[in-house]
C-alpha atoms as a PDB file:
ATOM      1  CA  ALA A   1     -11.136   9.249  -7.037  1.00  0.00           C
ATOM      2  CA  LEU A   2     -11.688  10.354 -10.612  1.00  0.00           C
ATOM      3  CA  LEU A   3     -15.123   9.274 -11.871  1.00  0.00           C
ATOM      4  CA  ASP A   4     -15.535   9.565 -15.613  1.00  0.00           C
ATOM      5  CA  TRP A   5     -17.976   8.549 -18.330  1.00  0.00           C
ATOM      6  CA  ALA A   6     -18.756   9.411 -21.934  1.00  0.00           C
ATOM      7  CA  THR A   7     -21.607   9.495 -24.419  1.00  0.00           C
ATOM      8  CA  ALA A   8     -21.492   8.794 -28.155  1.00  0.00           C
ATOM      9  CA  SER A   9     -24.557  11.002 -28.695  1.00  0.00           C
ATOM     10  CA  GLU A  10     -27.228  12.718 -26.600  1.00  0.00           C
ATOM     11  CA  THR A  11     -30.907  13.442 -27.139  1.00  0.00           C
ATOM     12  CA  ASN A  12     -32.762  15.877 -24.842  1.00  0.00           C
ATOM     13  CA  ASN A  13     -30.133  15.358 -22.131  1.00  0.00           C
ATOM     14  CA  SER A  14     -30.680  17.857 -19.327  1.00  0.00           C
ATOM     15  CA  HIS A  15     -28.096  16.567 -16.847  1.00  0.00           C
ATOM     16  CA  PHE A  16     -26.346  13.716 -15.105  1.00  0.00           C
ATOM     17  CA  SER A  17     -26.588  13.163 -11.356  1.00  0.00           C
ATOM     18  CA  LEU A  18     -23.866  11.384  -9.445  1.00  0.00           C
ATOM     19  CA  TYR A  19     -24.630   9.710  -6.114  1.00  0.00           C
ATOM     20  CA  LYS A  20     -22.468   8.095  -3.443  1.00  0.00           C
ATOM     21  CA  SER A  21     -23.188   5.455  -0.826  1.00  0.00           C
ATOM     22  CA  ILE A  22     -21.190   3.626   1.816  1.00  0.00           C
ATOM     23  CA  ASP A  23     -23.585   0.659   1.931  1.00  0.00           C
ATOM     24  CA  GLY A  24     -25.035   0.502  -1.614  1.00  0.00           C
ATOM     25  CA  LEU A  25     -28.527   1.213  -0.237  1.00  0.00           C
ATOM     26  CA  ASN A  26     -28.604   4.787   1.102  1.00  0.00           C
ATOM     27  CA  TRP A  27     -27.508   7.386  -1.454  1.00  0.00           C
ATOM     28  CA  GLU A  28     -26.292  10.973  -1.162  1.00  0.00           C
ATOM     29  CA  LYS A  29     -26.199  13.223  -4.222  1.00  0.00           C
ATOM     30  CA  LEU A  30     -22.688  14.468  -4.936  1.00  0.00           C
ATOM     31  CA  THR A  31     -23.414  16.698  -7.914  1.00  0.00           C
ATOM     32  CA  ASP A  32     -25.446  17.462 -11.022  1.00  0.00           C
ATOM     33  CA  ILE A  33     -23.471  17.908 -14.222  1.00  0.00           C
ATOM     34  CA  PRO A  34     -25.171  19.610 -17.188  1.00  0.00           C
ATOM     35  CA  GLY A  35     -25.648  17.460 -20.287  1.00  0.00           C
ATOM     36  CA  LYS A  36     -25.131  18.620 -23.871  1.00  0.00           C
ATOM     37  CA  GLY A  37     -28.845  18.629 -24.761  1.00  0.00           C
ATOM     38  CA  ASN A  38     -28.856  17.280 -28.302  1.00  0.00           C
ATOM     39  CA  SER A  39     -25.517  16.186 -29.669  1.00  0.00           C
ATOM     40  CA  ASN A  40     -24.205  13.696 -32.208  1.00  0.00           C
ATOM     41  CA  ALA A  41     -20.644  14.169 -30.955  1.00  0.00           C
ATOM     42  CA  TYR A  42     -18.637  12.179 -28.425  1.00  0.00           C
ATOM     43  CA  ASN A  43     -18.821  13.924 -25.041  1.00  0.00           C
ATOM     44  CA  SER A  44     -16.773  13.070 -21.976  1.00  0.00           C
ATOM     45  CA  TYR A  45     -17.592  13.951 -18.375  1.00  0.00           C
ATOM     46  CA  GLU A  46     -15.743  13.670 -15.105  1.00  0.00           C
ATOM     47  CA  PHE A  47     -16.030  14.399 -11.414  1.00  0.00           C
ATOM     48  CA  THR A  48     -13.414  13.995  -8.692  1.00  0.00           C
ATOM     49  CA  ASP A  49     -14.499  12.697  -5.297  1.00  0.00           C
ATOM     50  CA  PHE A  50     -11.968  14.098  -2.851  1.00  0.00           C
ATOM     51  CA  ASN A  51     -13.744  12.489   0.106  1.00  0.00           C
ATOM     52  CA  LEU A  52     -13.037   8.776  -0.231  1.00  0.00           C
ATOM     53  CA  LEU A  53     -14.022   6.786   2.818  1.00  0.00           C
ATOM     54  CA  GLN A  54     -12.197   3.745   4.154  1.00  0.00           C
ATOM     55  CA  GLY A  55     -13.545   0.571   2.519  1.00  0.00           C
ATOM     56  CA  THR A  56     -16.103   0.369  -0.268  1.00  0.00           C
ATOM     57  CA  ASN A  57     -17.369   3.599  -1.855  1.00  0.00           C
ATOM     58  CA  TYR A  58     -20.380   2.995  -4.131  1.00  0.00           C
ATOM     59  CA  TYR A  59     -21.308   5.362  -6.972  1.00  0.00           C
ATOM     60  CA  LYS A  60     -24.474   5.594  -9.043  1.00  0.00           C
ATOM     61  CA  LEU A  61     -24.956   7.665 -12.201  1.00  0.00           C
ATOM     62  CA  THR A  62     -28.336   8.779 -13.501  1.00  0.00           C
ATOM     63  CA  GLN A  63     -29.195  10.771 -16.611  1.00  0.00           C
ATOM     64  CA  THR A  64     -32.244  13.063 -16.728  1.00  0.00           C
ATOM     65  CA  ASP A  65     -33.963  14.331 -19.889  1.00  0.00           C
ATOM     66  CA  PHE A  66     -35.501  17.798 -20.202  1.00  0.00           C
ATOM     67  CA  ASP A  67     -38.962  16.221 -19.668  1.00  0.00           C
ATOM     68  CA  GLY A  68     -37.856  14.753 -16.311  1.00  0.00           C
ATOM     69  CA  THR A  69     -37.428  11.144 -17.487  1.00  0.00           C
ATOM     70  CA  THR A  70     -34.535   9.591 -15.574  1.00  0.00           C
ATOM     71  CA  LYS A  71     -32.415   6.600 -16.535  1.00  0.00           C
ATOM     72  CA  ASN A  72     -30.169   4.738 -14.088  1.00  0.00           C
ATOM     73  CA  HIS A  73     -26.745   3.792 -15.479  1.00  0.00           C
ATOM     74  CA  GLY A  74     -25.774   1.271 -12.832  1.00  0.00           C
ATOM     75  CA  ILE A  75     -23.626   1.113  -9.750  1.00  0.00           C
ATOM     76  CA  ARG A  76     -19.830   1.001  -9.605  1.00  0.00           C
ATOM     77  CA  PHE A  77     -17.573   0.881  -6.579  1.00  0.00           C
ATOM     78  CA  ILE A  78     -14.083   1.752  -5.462  1.00  0.00           C
ATOM     79  CA  GLU A  79     -12.263  -0.055  -2.661  1.00  0.00           C
ATOM     80  CA  ALA A  80     -10.304   2.577  -0.768  1.00  0.00           C
ATOM     81  CA  ASP A  81      -7.564   2.000   1.747  1.00  0.00           C
ATOM     82  CA  ILE A  82      -7.139   5.545   2.990  1.00  0.00           C
ATOM     83  CA  ASN A  83      -4.098   4.437   4.931  1.00  0.00           C
ATOM     84  CA  SER A  84      -2.477   3.389   1.666  1.00  0.00           C
ATOM     85  CA  ASP A  85      -0.180   5.424  -0.529  1.00  0.00           C
ATOM     86  CA  PHE A  86      -1.861   4.014  -3.648  1.00  0.00           C
ATOM     87  CA  TYR A  87      -5.397   4.197  -5.080  1.00  0.00           C
ATOM     88  CA  ILE A  88      -6.685   2.047  -7.961  1.00  0.00           C
ATOM     89  CA  TYR A  89      -9.948   2.963  -9.682  1.00  0.00           C
ATOM     90  CA  PRO A  90     -12.321   1.859 -10.993  1.00  0.00           C
ATOM     91  CA  ASN A  91     -12.159  -1.714  -9.778  1.00  0.00           C
ATOM     92  CA  PRO A  92     -13.806  -3.696 -11.340  1.00  0.00           C
ATOM     93  CA  PHE A  93     -12.807  -1.991 -14.589  1.00  0.00           C
ATOM     94  CA  ASP A  94     -13.231  -2.143 -18.346  1.00  0.00           C
ATOM     95  CA  GLY A  95     -10.910  -0.221 -20.614  1.00  0.00           C
ATOM     96  CA  LEU A  96      -8.752   2.110 -18.538  1.00  0.00           C
ATOM     97  CA  ILE A  97      -7.600   1.544 -14.992  1.00  0.00           C
ATOM     98  CA  ASN A  98      -6.336   4.583 -13.072  1.00  0.00           C
ATOM     99  CA  ILE A  99      -3.730   4.662 -10.345  1.00  0.00           C
ATOM    100  CA  SER A 100      -2.847   7.565  -8.095  1.00  0.00           C
ATOM    101  CA  SER A 101      -0.282   7.770  -5.332  1.00  0.00           C
ATOM    102  CA  ASN A 102       0.927  10.159  -2.681  1.00  0.00           C
ATOM    103  CA  ASN A 103       4.405   9.714  -4.214  1.00  0.00           C
ATOM    104  CA  ASN A 104       5.817   9.152  -7.694  1.00  0.00           C
ATOM    105  CA  ILE A 105       5.031   5.731  -9.128  1.00  0.00           C
ATOM    106  CA  SER A 106       8.172   4.067 -10.448  1.00  0.00           C
ATOM    107  CA  SER A 107       6.714   0.846 -11.917  1.00  0.00           C
ATOM    108  CA  ILE A 108       3.495  -1.099 -12.355  1.00  0.00           C
ATOM    109  CA  THR A 109       3.151  -4.796 -13.109  1.00  0.00           C
ATOM    110  CA  ILE A 110      -0.091  -6.576 -13.976  1.00  0.00           C
ATOM    111  CA  LEU A 111      -0.071 -10.311 -13.290  1.00  0.00           C
ATOM    112  CA  SER A 112      -2.479 -13.090 -14.222  1.00  0.00           C
ATOM    113  CA  ALA A 113      -4.388 -14.919 -11.482  1.00  0.00           C
ATOM    114  CA  GLU A 114      -1.666 -17.581 -11.777  1.00  0.00           C
ATOM    115  CA  GLY A 115       1.079 -15.000 -11.102  1.00  0.00           C
ATOM    116  CA  LYS A 116       2.408 -14.719 -14.670  1.00  0.00           C
ATOM    117  CA  THR A 117       3.555 -11.214 -15.672  1.00  0.00           C
ATOM    118  CA  ILE A 118       1.135  -9.839 -18.282  1.00  0.00           C
ATOM    119  CA  LYS A 119       2.219  -6.209 -18.555  1.00  0.00           C
ATOM    120  CA  THR A 120       4.986  -4.095 -17.028  1.00  0.00           C
ATOM    121  CA  LEU A 121       5.313  -0.308 -17.102  1.00  0.00           C
ATOM    122  CA  THR A 122       8.498   1.362 -15.903  1.00  0.00           C
ATOM    123  CA  GLY A 123       9.852   4.894 -15.784  1.00  0.00           C
ATOM    124  CA  ILE A 124       6.433   6.372 -14.983  1.00  0.00           C
ATOM    125  CA  ASN A 125       7.837   9.138 -12.725  1.00  0.00           C
ATOM    126  CA  SER A 126       4.393  10.570 -11.908  1.00  0.00           C
ATOM    127  CA  ASN A 127       1.909  10.220  -9.060  1.00  0.00           C
ATOM    128  CA  VAL A 128      -0.941   9.389 -11.489  1.00  0.00           C
ATOM    129  CA  CYS A 129      -1.152   6.856 -14.278  1.00  0.00           C
ATOM    130  CA  SER A 130      -3.846   5.464 -16.583  1.00  0.00           C
ATOM    131  CA  ILE A 131      -3.339   2.051 -18.142  1.00  0.00           C
ATOM    132  CA  SER A 132      -5.175   0.768 -21.207  1.00  0.00           C
ATOM    133  CA  THR A 133      -6.401  -2.766 -20.611  1.00  0.00           C
ATOM    134  CA  ASP A 134      -7.954  -3.391 -24.020  1.00  0.00           C
ATOM    135  CA  ASP A 135      -5.481  -6.248 -24.475  1.00  0.00           C
ATOM    136  CA  LEU A 136      -6.642  -8.022 -21.278  1.00  0.00           C
ATOM    137  CA  ALA A 137      -9.418 -10.613 -21.309  1.00  0.00           C
ATOM    138  CA  THR A 138     -12.230 -10.509 -18.768  1.00  0.00           C
ATOM    139  CA  GLY A 139     -11.022 -11.991 -15.500  1.00  0.00           C
ATOM    140  CA  ILE A 140      -9.102 -11.603 -12.264  1.00  0.00           C
ATOM    141  CA  TYR A 141      -5.623 -10.092 -12.195  1.00  0.00           C
ATOM    142  CA  PHE A 142      -3.180  -8.768  -9.648  1.00  0.00           C
ATOM    143  CA  ILE A 143      -1.411  -5.436  -9.788  1.00  0.00           C
ATOM    144  CA  ARG A 144       1.918  -4.588  -8.179  1.00  0.00           C
ATOM    145  CA  ILE A 145       2.812  -0.901  -7.848  1.00  0.00           C
ATOM    146  CA  ASN A 146       6.169   0.434  -6.674  1.00  0.00           C
ATOM    147  CA  ASN A 147       6.960   4.015  -5.731  1.00  0.00           C
ATOM    148  CA  ASP A 148      10.239   5.955  -5.757  1.00  0.00           C
ATOM    149  CA  PHE A 149      10.772   5.196  -2.058  1.00  0.00           C
ATOM    150  CA  GLY A 150      10.679   1.425  -2.558  1.00  0.00           C
ATOM    151  CA  LYS A 151       7.198   0.964  -1.098  1.00  0.00           C
ATOM    152  CA  ASN A 152       5.208  -1.804  -2.805  1.00  0.00           C
ATOM    153  CA  TYR A 153       1.458  -2.222  -3.103  1.00  0.00           C
ATOM    154  CA  PHE A 154      -0.194  -5.450  -4.264  1.00  0.00           C
ATOM    155  CA  ASN A 155      -3.917  -5.785  -4.958  1.00  0.00           C
ATOM    156  CA  LYS A 156      -6.476  -7.877  -6.824  1.00  0.00           C
ATOM    157  CA  ILE A 157      -8.147  -6.185  -9.815  1.00  0.00           C
ATOM    158  CA  ILE A 158     -11.076  -7.431 -11.886  1.00  0.00           C
ATOM    159  CA  LYS A 159     -11.801  -6.753 -15.553  1.00  0.00           C
ATOM    160  CA  TYR A 160     -15.440  -7.170 -16.617  1.00  0.00           C
END
């Protein structure tokens, strides 16, 4: 799972710490990622968790200043079906939603909660895809993903 975040500016930012939990209560540190110190520029960060566990994987991001002050930036989660050929993250989402597959993705359809087609992407021909959802309102949707071998995946997704 690709975990990413960005800052518009940074003041005295020593580092970010990324934690993982399987129950949302007990946390294990995955990594520390150095911050940019003092910056007025847009900075993007990412970390890939190659050890997804079956079910819900919780993630927590903290930011620590040079003086040791730490700020918690909330908890997000990814539902993983490790027996699946498809992974959707983050879910819930805001902005981009990412999809990865063991095989090439041929098409993706986003449907409203009522089943109406909202967005269709075809000819993807890649095993990873990012979809902008700026045009979607907050709410519940369904996503249908098809691969080159005719396998279909259908899942609920939530935009916040």
